[in-house]
Amino acid sequence: MEKQMLHQQLELATQQFTDAYELIQQAKTSGNEEELMQAQNQLLQVDHLLKETQYQAGQDALDNPQFQQTFEKLHNARQEIETYRQNKQ
């Protein structure tokens, strides 16, 4: 995968994550479980895009700081949702 394509894929993943995270925050504020489910689905899409990017770009993706940051944020957002749901019960 060429560098420009890798950059575009990572930009897309980062933007999709940002949109999902905004929805998580909105759902936590409103208590809307449907929004939280929608955010989880968006996170799944980000996860899929990152895995596809890793598959196509290999080590170049793994070594990329933007890939690493988005992957870490994805994990943290999933933990945040889990914690929110546990505290809500």
PDB file of N, CA and C in Angstrom:
ATOM      1  N   MET A   1       0.861  -1.180   0.000  1.00  0.00           N
ATOM      2  CA  MET A   1       0.000   0.000   0.000  1.00  0.00           C
ATOM      3  C   MET A   1       0.898   1.230   0.000  1.00  0.00           C
ATOM      4  N   GLU A   2       0.611   2.148  -0.892  1.00  0.00           N
ATOM      5  CA  GLU A   2       1.440   3.347  -0.945  1.00  0.00           C
ATOM      6  C   GLU A   2       1.127   4.262   0.234  1.00  0.00           C
ATOM      7  N   LYS A   3       2.071   5.117   0.550  1.00  0.00           N
ATOM      8  CA  LYS A   3       1.979   5.980   1.736  1.00  0.00           C
ATOM      9  C   LYS A   3       0.758   6.889   1.688  1.00  0.00           C
ATOM     10  N   GLN A   4       0.446   7.421   0.512  1.00  0.00           N
ATOM     11  CA  GLN A   4      -0.696   8.333   0.410  1.00  0.00           C
ATOM     12  C   GLN A   4      -2.000   7.590   0.718  1.00  0.00           C
ATOM     13  N   MET A   5      -2.118   6.372   0.233  1.00  0.00           N
ATOM     14  CA  MET A   5      -3.311   5.570   0.488  1.00  0.00           C
ATOM     15  C   MET A   5      -3.417   5.230   1.978  1.00  0.00           C
ATOM     16  N   LEU A   6      -2.290   4.889   2.584  1.00  0.00           N
ATOM     17  CA  LEU A   6      -2.255   4.621   4.020  1.00  0.00           C
ATOM     18  C   LEU A   6      -2.722   5.850   4.786  1.00  0.00           C
ATOM     19  N   HIS A   7      -2.207   6.995   4.408  1.00  0.00           N
ATOM     20  CA  HIS A   7      -2.592   8.249   5.064  1.00  0.00           C
ATOM     21  C   HIS A   7      -4.099   8.493   4.925  1.00  0.00           C
ATOM     22  N   GLN A   8      -4.642   8.279   3.747  1.00  0.00           N
ATOM     23  CA  GLN A   8      -6.079   8.493   3.523  1.00  0.00           C
ATOM     24  C   GLN A   8      -6.923   7.536   4.367  1.00  0.00           C
ATOM     25  N   GLN A   9      -6.506   6.271   4.424  1.00  0.00           N
ATOM     26  CA  GLN A   9      -7.239   5.279   5.218  1.00  0.00           C
ATOM     27  C   GLN A   9      -7.222   5.667   6.703  1.00  0.00           C
ATOM     28  N   LEU A  10      -6.075   6.117   7.168  1.00  0.00           N
ATOM     29  CA  LEU A  10      -5.963   6.493   8.577  1.00  0.00           C
ATOM     30  C   LEU A  10      -6.737   7.771   8.887  1.00  0.00           C
ATOM     31  N   GLU A  11      -6.760   8.689   7.949  1.00  0.00           N
ATOM     32  CA  GLU A  11      -7.569   9.899   8.133  1.00  0.00           C
ATOM     33  C   GLU A  11      -9.049   9.535   8.233  1.00  0.00           C
ATOM     34  N   LEU A  12      -9.491   8.634   7.392  1.00  0.00           N
ATOM     35  CA  LEU A  12     -10.878   8.186   7.416  1.00  0.00           C
ATOM     36  C   LEU A  12     -11.196   7.506   8.746  1.00  0.00           C
ATOM     37  N   ALA A  13     -10.324   6.620   9.194  1.00  0.00           N
ATOM     38  CA  ALA A  13     -10.532   5.926  10.466  1.00  0.00           C
ATOM     39  C   ALA A  13     -10.573   6.919  11.628  1.00  0.00           C
ATOM     40  N   THR A  14      -9.687   7.893  11.598  1.00  0.00           N
ATOM     41  CA  THR A  14      -9.649   8.902  12.659  1.00  0.00           C
ATOM     42  C   THR A  14     -10.930   9.726  12.674  1.00  0.00           C
ATOM     43  N   GLN A  15     -11.415  10.112  11.511  1.00  0.00           N
ATOM     44  CA  GLN A  15     -12.648  10.894  11.435  1.00  0.00           C
ATOM     45  C   GLN A  15     -13.844  10.076  11.899  1.00  0.00           C
ATOM     46  N   GLN A  16     -13.901   8.821  11.474  1.00  0.00           N
ATOM     47  CA  GLN A  16     -14.998   7.959  11.913  1.00  0.00           C
ATOM     48  C   GLN A  16     -14.960   7.761  13.425  1.00  0.00           C
ATOM     49  N   PHE A  17     -13.752   7.628  13.977  1.00  0.00           N
ATOM     50  CA  PHE A  17     -13.639   7.499  15.428  1.00  0.00           C
ATOM     51  C   PHE A  17     -14.131   8.763  16.121  1.00  0.00           C
ATOM     52  N   THR A  18     -13.722   9.919  15.612  1.00  0.00           N
ATOM     53  CA  THR A  18     -14.133  11.190  16.214  1.00  0.00           C
ATOM     54  C   THR A  18     -15.652  11.308  16.221  1.00  0.00           C
ATOM     55  N   ASP A  19     -16.287  10.950  15.122  1.00  0.00           N
ATOM     56  CA  ASP A  19     -17.753  10.986  15.050  1.00  0.00           C
ATOM     57  C   ASP A  19     -18.370  10.039  16.076  1.00  0.00           C
ATOM     58  N   ALA A  20     -17.828   8.843  16.186  1.00  0.00           N
ATOM     59  CA  ALA A  20     -18.355   7.860  17.139  1.00  0.00           C
ATOM     60  C   ALA A  20     -18.167   8.343  18.567  1.00  0.00           C
ATOM     61  N   TYR A  21     -17.014   8.935  18.850  1.00  0.00           N
ATOM     62  CA  TYR A  21     -16.743   9.383  20.218  1.00  0.00           C
ATOM     63  C   TYR A  21     -17.668  10.535  20.613  1.00  0.00           C
ATOM     64  N   GLU A  22     -17.946  11.415  19.672  1.00  0.00           N
ATOM     65  CA  GLU A  22     -18.900  12.498  19.946  1.00  0.00           C
ATOM     66  C   GLU A  22     -20.273  11.925  20.270  1.00  0.00           C
ATOM     67  N   LEU A  23     -20.657  10.879  19.560  1.00  0.00           N
ATOM     68  CA  LEU A  23     -21.938  10.229  19.814  1.00  0.00           C
ATOM     69  C   LEU A  23     -21.942   9.544  21.185  1.00  0.00           C
ATOM     70  N   ILE A  24     -20.822   8.962  21.574  1.00  0.00           N
ATOM     71  CA  ILE A  24     -20.714   8.358  22.906  1.00  0.00           C
ATOM     72  C   ILE A  24     -20.953   9.411  23.978  1.00  0.00           C
ATOM     73  N   GLN A  25     -20.299  10.537  23.841  1.00  0.00           N
ATOM     74  CA  GLN A  25     -20.450  11.594  24.835  1.00  0.00           C
ATOM     75  C   GLN A  25     -21.887  12.100  24.886  1.00  0.00           C
ATOM     76  N   GLN A  26     -22.494  12.253  23.736  1.00  0.00           N
ATOM     77  CA  GLN A  26     -23.880  12.693  23.648  1.00  0.00           C
ATOM     78  C   GLN A  26     -24.802  11.662  24.311  1.00  0.00           C
ATOM     79  N   ALA A  27     -24.554  10.386  24.039  1.00  0.00           N
ATOM     80  CA  ALA A  27     -25.382   9.319  24.607  1.00  0.00           C
ATOM     81  C   ALA A  27     -25.225   9.247  26.120  1.00  0.00           C
ATOM     82  N   LYS A  28     -24.019   9.448  26.613  1.00  0.00           N
ATOM     83  CA  LYS A  28     -23.800   9.424  28.058  1.00  0.00           C
ATOM     84  C   LYS A  28     -24.521  10.583  28.731  1.00  0.00           C
ATOM     85  N   THR A  29     -24.536  11.724  28.082  1.00  0.00           N
ATOM     86  CA  THR A  29     -25.205  12.891  28.640  1.00  0.00           C
ATOM     87  C   THR A  29     -26.721  12.703  28.657  1.00  0.00           C
ATOM     88  N   SER A  30     -27.255  12.167  27.576  1.00  0.00           N
ATOM     89  CA  SER A  30     -28.709  12.022  27.453  1.00  0.00           C
ATOM     90  C   SER A  30     -29.226  10.709  28.047  1.00  0.00           C
ATOM     91  N   GLY A  31     -28.321   9.738  28.223  1.00  0.00           N
ATOM     92  CA  GLY A  31     -28.747   8.433  28.705  1.00  0.00           C
ATOM     93  C   GLY A  31     -29.435   7.600  27.637  1.00  0.00           C
ATOM     94  N   ASN A  32     -29.257   7.987  26.385  1.00  0.00           N
ATOM     95  CA  ASN A  32     -29.926   7.327  25.266  1.00  0.00           C
ATOM     96  C   ASN A  32     -29.155   6.070  24.853  1.00  0.00           C
ATOM     97  N   GLU A  33     -29.717   4.915  25.150  1.00  0.00           N
ATOM     98  CA  GLU A  33     -29.064   3.641  24.849  1.00  0.00           C
ATOM     99  C   GLU A  33     -28.974   3.396  23.336  1.00  0.00           C
ATOM    100  N   GLU A  34     -29.951   3.874  22.596  1.00  0.00           N
ATOM    101  CA  GLU A  34     -29.924   3.699  21.141  1.00  0.00           C
ATOM    102  C   GLU A  34     -28.727   4.425  20.529  1.00  0.00           C
ATOM    103  N   GLU A  35     -28.438   5.625  21.011  1.00  0.00           N
ATOM    104  CA  GLU A  35     -27.268   6.365  20.526  1.00  0.00           C
ATOM    105  C   GLU A  35     -25.983   5.630  20.894  1.00  0.00           C
ATOM    106  N   LEU A  36     -25.976   5.047  22.084  1.00  0.00           N
ATOM    107  CA  LEU A  36     -24.798   4.304  22.515  1.00  0.00           C
ATOM    108  C   LEU A  36     -24.573   3.081  21.618  1.00  0.00           C
ATOM    109  N   MET A  37     -25.649   2.409  21.251  1.00  0.00           N
ATOM    110  CA  MET A  37     -25.543   1.271  20.333  1.00  0.00           C
ATOM    111  C   MET A  37     -25.045   1.729  18.959  1.00  0.00           C
ATOM    112  N   GLN A  38     -25.530   2.866  18.502  1.00  0.00           N
ATOM    113  CA  GLN A  38     -25.093   3.408  17.221  1.00  0.00           C
ATOM    114  C   GLN A  38     -23.598   3.728  17.280  1.00  0.00           C
ATOM    115  N   ALA A  39     -23.158   4.295  18.391  1.00  0.00           N
ATOM    116  CA  ALA A  39     -21.735   4.611  18.555  1.00  0.00           C
ATOM    117  C   ALA A  39     -20.904   3.335  18.552  1.00  0.00           C
ATOM    118  N   GLN A  40     -21.403   2.290  19.202  1.00  0.00           N
ATOM    119  CA  GLN A  40     -20.684   1.007  19.195  1.00  0.00           C
ATOM    120  C   GLN A  40     -20.561   0.458  17.786  1.00  0.00           C
ATOM    121  N   ASN A  41     -21.609   0.585  17.008  1.00  0.00           N
ATOM    122  CA  ASN A  41     -21.549   0.134  15.613  1.00  0.00           C
ATOM    123  C   ASN A  41     -20.516   0.933  14.829  1.00  0.00           C
ATOM    124  N   GLN A  42     -20.441   2.224  15.086  1.00  0.00           N
ATOM    125  CA  GLN A  42     -19.440   3.050  14.416  1.00  0.00           C
ATOM    126  C   GLN A  42     -18.032   2.625  14.832  1.00  0.00           C
ATOM    127  N   LEU A  43     -17.871   2.288  16.106  1.00  0.00           N
ATOM    128  CA  LEU A  43     -16.566   1.815  16.569  1.00  0.00           C
ATOM    129  C   LEU A  43     -16.191   0.508  15.891  1.00  0.00           C
ATOM    130  N   LEU A  44     -17.170  -0.353  15.655  1.00  0.00           N
ATOM    131  CA  LEU A  44     -16.907  -1.598  14.924  1.00  0.00           C
ATOM    132  C   LEU A  44     -16.425  -1.307  13.502  1.00  0.00           C
ATOM    133  N   GLN A  45     -17.004  -0.287  12.880  1.00  0.00           N
ATOM    134  CA  GLN A  45     -16.578   0.102  11.535  1.00  0.00           C
ATOM    135  C   GLN A  45     -15.138   0.614  11.558  1.00  0.00           C
ATOM    136  N   VAL A  46     -14.803   1.396  12.581  1.00  0.00           N
ATOM    137  CA  VAL A  46     -13.435   1.893  12.716  1.00  0.00           C
ATOM    138  C   VAL A  46     -12.475   0.718  12.901  1.00  0.00           C
ATOM    139  N   ASP A  47     -12.866  -0.220  13.755  1.00  0.00           N
ATOM    140  CA  ASP A  47     -12.045  -1.399  13.989  1.00  0.00           C
ATOM    141  C   ASP A  47     -11.810  -2.161  12.680  1.00  0.00           C
ATOM    142  N   HIS A  48     -12.867  -2.342  11.923  1.00  0.00           N
ATOM    143  CA  HIS A  48     -12.747  -3.048  10.643  1.00  0.00           C
ATOM    144  C   HIS A  48     -11.812  -2.292   9.692  1.00  0.00           C
ATOM    145  N   LEU A  49     -11.960  -0.983   9.625  1.00  0.00           N
ATOM    146  CA  LEU A  49     -11.116  -0.181   8.746  1.00  0.00           C
ATOM    147  C   LEU A  49      -9.647  -0.262   9.169  1.00  0.00           C
ATOM    148  N   LEU A  50      -9.394  -0.224  10.469  1.00  0.00           N
ATOM    149  CA  LEU A  50      -8.012  -0.346  10.940  1.00  0.00           C
ATOM    150  C   LEU A  50      -7.434  -1.722  10.618  1.00  0.00           C
ATOM    151  N   LYS A  51      -8.230  -2.762  10.798  1.00  0.00           N
ATOM    152  CA  LYS A  51      -7.754  -4.107  10.485  1.00  0.00           C
ATOM    153  C   LYS A  51      -7.486  -4.266   8.989  1.00  0.00           C
ATOM    154  N   GLU A  52      -8.369  -3.706   8.177  1.00  0.00           N
ATOM    155  CA  GLU A  52      -8.174  -3.759   6.728  1.00  0.00           C
ATOM    156  C   GLU A  52      -6.920  -2.987   6.326  1.00  0.00           C
ATOM    157  N   THR A  53      -6.716  -1.834   6.938  1.00  0.00           N
ATOM    158  CA  THR A  53      -5.526  -1.026   6.656  1.00  0.00           C
ATOM    159  C   THR A  53      -4.272  -1.789   7.063  1.00  0.00           C
ATOM    160  N   GLN A  54      -4.325  -2.419   8.226  1.00  0.00           N
ATOM    161  CA  GLN A  54      -3.181  -3.209   8.685  1.00  0.00           C
ATOM    162  C   GLN A  54      -2.908  -4.367   7.723  1.00  0.00           C
ATOM    163  N   TYR A  55      -3.967  -5.010   7.278  1.00  0.00           N
ATOM    164  CA  TYR A  55      -3.813  -6.128   6.339  1.00  0.00           C
ATOM    165  C   TYR A  55      -3.139  -5.662   5.046  1.00  0.00           C
ATOM    166  N   GLN A  56      -3.574  -4.500   4.549  1.00  0.00           N
ATOM    167  CA  GLN A  56      -3.057  -4.003   3.277  1.00  0.00           C
ATOM    168  C   GLN A  56      -1.665  -3.399   3.404  1.00  0.00           C
ATOM    169  N   ALA A  57      -1.416  -2.692   4.498  1.00  0.00           N
ATOM    170  CA  ALA A  57      -0.151  -1.961   4.629  1.00  0.00           C
ATOM    171  C   ALA A  57       0.875  -2.694   5.485  1.00  0.00           C
ATOM    172  N   GLY A  58       0.444  -3.692   6.223  1.00  0.00           N
ATOM    173  CA  GLY A  58       1.379  -4.453   7.048  1.00  0.00           C
ATOM    174  C   GLY A  58       2.065  -3.616   8.104  1.00  0.00           C
ATOM    175  N   GLN A  59       3.368  -3.788   8.194  1.00  0.00           N
ATOM    176  CA  GLN A  59       4.158  -3.129   9.232  1.00  0.00           C
ATOM    177  C   GLN A  59       4.122  -1.607   9.114  1.00  0.00           C
ATOM    178  N   ASP A  60       3.961  -1.092   7.896  1.00  0.00           N
ATOM    179  CA  ASP A  60       3.868   0.362   7.721  1.00  0.00           C
ATOM    180  C   ASP A  60       2.700   0.930   8.527  1.00  0.00           C
ATOM    181  N   ALA A  61       1.598   0.201   8.565  1.00  0.00           N
ATOM    182  CA  ALA A  61       0.442   0.654   9.344  1.00  0.00           C
ATOM    183  C   ALA A  61       0.752   0.587  10.832  1.00  0.00           C
ATOM    184  N   LEU A  62       1.310  -0.535  11.262  1.00  0.00           N
ATOM    185  CA  LEU A  62       1.596  -0.711  12.686  1.00  0.00           C
ATOM    186  C   LEU A  62       2.602   0.298  13.211  1.00  0.00           C
ATOM    187  N   ASP A  63       3.525   0.712  12.371  1.00  0.00           N
ATOM    188  CA  ASP A  63       4.550   1.675  12.773  1.00  0.00           C
ATOM    189  C   ASP A  63       4.059   3.118  12.721  1.00  0.00           C
ATOM    190  N   ASN A  64       2.900   3.333  12.140  1.00  0.00           N
ATOM    191  CA  ASN A  64       2.392   4.692  11.958  1.00  0.00           C
ATOM    192  C   ASN A  64       1.779   5.211  13.266  1.00  0.00           C
ATOM    193  N   PRO A  65       2.237   6.374  13.752  1.00  0.00           N
ATOM    194  CA  PRO A  65       1.707   6.921  15.011  1.00  0.00           C
ATOM    195  C   PRO A  65       0.195   7.170  14.976  1.00  0.00           C
ATOM    196  N   GLN A  66      -0.321   7.586  13.841  1.00  0.00           N
ATOM    197  CA  GLN A  66      -1.763   7.836  13.737  1.00  0.00           C
ATOM    198  C   GLN A  66      -2.539   6.528  13.884  1.00  0.00           C
ATOM    199  N   PHE A  67      -2.038   5.460  13.307  1.00  0.00           N
ATOM    200  CA  PHE A  67      -2.657   4.145  13.463  1.00  0.00           C
ATOM    201  C   PHE A  67      -2.651   3.749  14.942  1.00  0.00           C
ATOM    202  N   GLN A  68      -1.501   3.878  15.567  1.00  0.00           N
ATOM    203  CA  GLN A  68      -1.358   3.502  16.972  1.00  0.00           C
ATOM    204  C   GLN A  68      -2.293   4.300  17.864  1.00  0.00           C
ATOM    205  N   GLN A  69      -2.371   5.605  17.635  1.00  0.00           N
ATOM    206  CA  GLN A  69      -3.231   6.466  18.452  1.00  0.00           C
ATOM    207  C   GLN A  69      -4.702   6.132  18.263  1.00  0.00           C
ATOM    208  N   THR A  70      -5.108   5.932  17.032  1.00  0.00           N
ATOM    209  CA  THR A  70      -6.516   5.620  16.765  1.00  0.00           C
ATOM    210  C   THR A  70      -6.880   4.266  17.348  1.00  0.00           C
ATOM    211  N   PHE A  71      -5.978   3.304  17.239  1.00  0.00           N
ATOM    212  CA  PHE A  71      -6.221   1.983  17.810  1.00  0.00           C
ATOM    213  C   PHE A  71      -6.365   2.071  19.329  1.00  0.00           C
ATOM    214  N   GLU A  72      -5.504   2.848  19.963  1.00  0.00           N
ATOM    215  CA  GLU A  72      -5.571   3.018  21.422  1.00  0.00           C
ATOM    216  C   GLU A  72      -6.852   3.747  21.837  1.00  0.00           C
ATOM    217  N   LYS A  73      -7.214   4.785  21.111  1.00  0.00           N
ATOM    218  CA  LYS A  73      -8.448   5.513  21.408  1.00  0.00           C
ATOM    219  C   LYS A  73      -9.671   4.618  21.243  1.00  0.00           C
ATOM    220  N   LEU A  74      -9.634   3.760  20.238  1.00  0.00           N
ATOM    221  CA  LEU A  74     -10.722   2.812  20.008  1.00  0.00           C
ATOM    222  C   LEU A  74     -10.893   1.907  21.224  1.00  0.00           C
ATOM    223  N   HIS A  75      -9.800   1.363  21.702  1.00  0.00           N
ATOM    224  CA  HIS A  75      -9.833   0.506  22.880  1.00  0.00           C
ATOM    225  C   HIS A  75     -10.372   1.276  24.090  1.00  0.00           C
ATOM    226  N   ASN A  76      -9.884   2.481  24.294  1.00  0.00           N
ATOM    227  CA  ASN A  76     -10.322   3.296  25.435  1.00  0.00           C
ATOM    228  C   ASN A  76     -11.801   3.637  25.349  1.00  0.00           C
ATOM    229  N   ALA A  77     -12.296   3.907  24.161  1.00  0.00           N
ATOM    230  CA  ALA A  77     -13.717   4.240  23.987  1.00  0.00           C
ATOM    231  C   ALA A  77     -14.588   3.034  24.320  1.00  0.00           C
ATOM    232  N   ARG A  78     -14.157   1.866  23.918  1.00  0.00           N
ATOM    233  CA  ARG A  78     -14.911   0.655  24.262  1.00  0.00           C
ATOM    234  C   ARG A  78     -14.949   0.450  25.776  1.00  0.00           C
ATOM    235  N   GLN A  79     -13.826   0.696  26.436  1.00  0.00           N
ATOM    236  CA  GLN A  79     -13.773   0.596  27.892  1.00  0.00           C
ATOM    237  C   GLN A  79     -14.688   1.637  28.535  1.00  0.00           C
ATOM    238  N   GLU A  80     -14.711   2.822  27.978  1.00  0.00           N
ATOM    239  CA  GLU A  80     -15.552   3.892  28.505  1.00  0.00           C
ATOM    240  C   GLU A  80     -17.030   3.510  28.427  1.00  0.00           C
ATOM    241  N   ILE A  81     -17.431   2.916  27.327  1.00  0.00           N
ATOM    242  CA  ILE A  81     -18.825   2.463  27.179  1.00  0.00           C
ATOM    243  C   ILE A  81     -19.134   1.389  28.215  1.00  0.00           C
ATOM    244  N   GLU A  82     -18.232   0.440  28.370  1.00  0.00           N
ATOM    245  CA  GLU A  82     -18.434  -0.645  29.338  1.00  0.00           C
ATOM    246  C   GLU A  82     -18.552  -0.092  30.762  1.00  0.00           C
ATOM    247  N   THR A  83     -17.678   0.820  31.104  1.00  0.00           N
ATOM    248  CA  THR A  83     -17.710   1.433  32.436  1.00  0.00           C
ATOM    249  C   THR A  83     -19.006   2.202  32.642  1.00  0.00           C
ATOM    250  N   TYR A  84     -19.417   2.947  31.636  1.00  0.00           N
ATOM    251  CA  TYR A  84     -20.668   3.710  31.725  1.00  0.00           C
ATOM    252  C   TYR A  84     -21.839   2.777  31.976  1.00  0.00           C
ATOM    253  N   ARG A  85     -21.899   1.691  31.250  1.00  0.00           N
ATOM    254  CA  ARG A  85     -23.020   0.745  31.409  1.00  0.00           C
ATOM    255  C   ARG A  85     -22.987   0.079  32.785  1.00  0.00           C
ATOM    256  N   GLN A  86     -21.807  -0.238  33.272  1.00  0.00           N
ATOM    257  CA  GLN A  86     -21.711  -0.855  34.590  1.00  0.00           C
ATOM    258  C   GLN A  86     -22.174   0.124  35.683  1.00  0.00           C
ATOM    259  N   ASN A  87     -21.777   1.368  35.544  1.00  0.00           N
ATOM    260  CA  ASN A  87     -22.160   2.379  36.544  1.00  0.00           C
ATOM    261  C   ASN A  87     -23.632   2.733  36.460  1.00  0.00           C
ATOM    262  N   LYS A  88     -24.222   2.520  35.319  1.00  0.00           N
ATOM    263  CA  LYS A  88     -25.636   2.858  35.104  1.00  0.00           C
ATOM    264  C   LYS A  88     -26.568   1.842  35.770  1.00  0.00           C
ATOM    265  N   GLN A  89     -26.085   0.622  35.928  1.00  0.00           N
ATOM    266  CA  GLN A  89     -26.924  -0.447  36.481  1.00  0.00           C
ATOM    267  C   GLN A  89     -27.230  -0.256  37.937  1.00  0.00           C
TER     268      GLN A  89
END
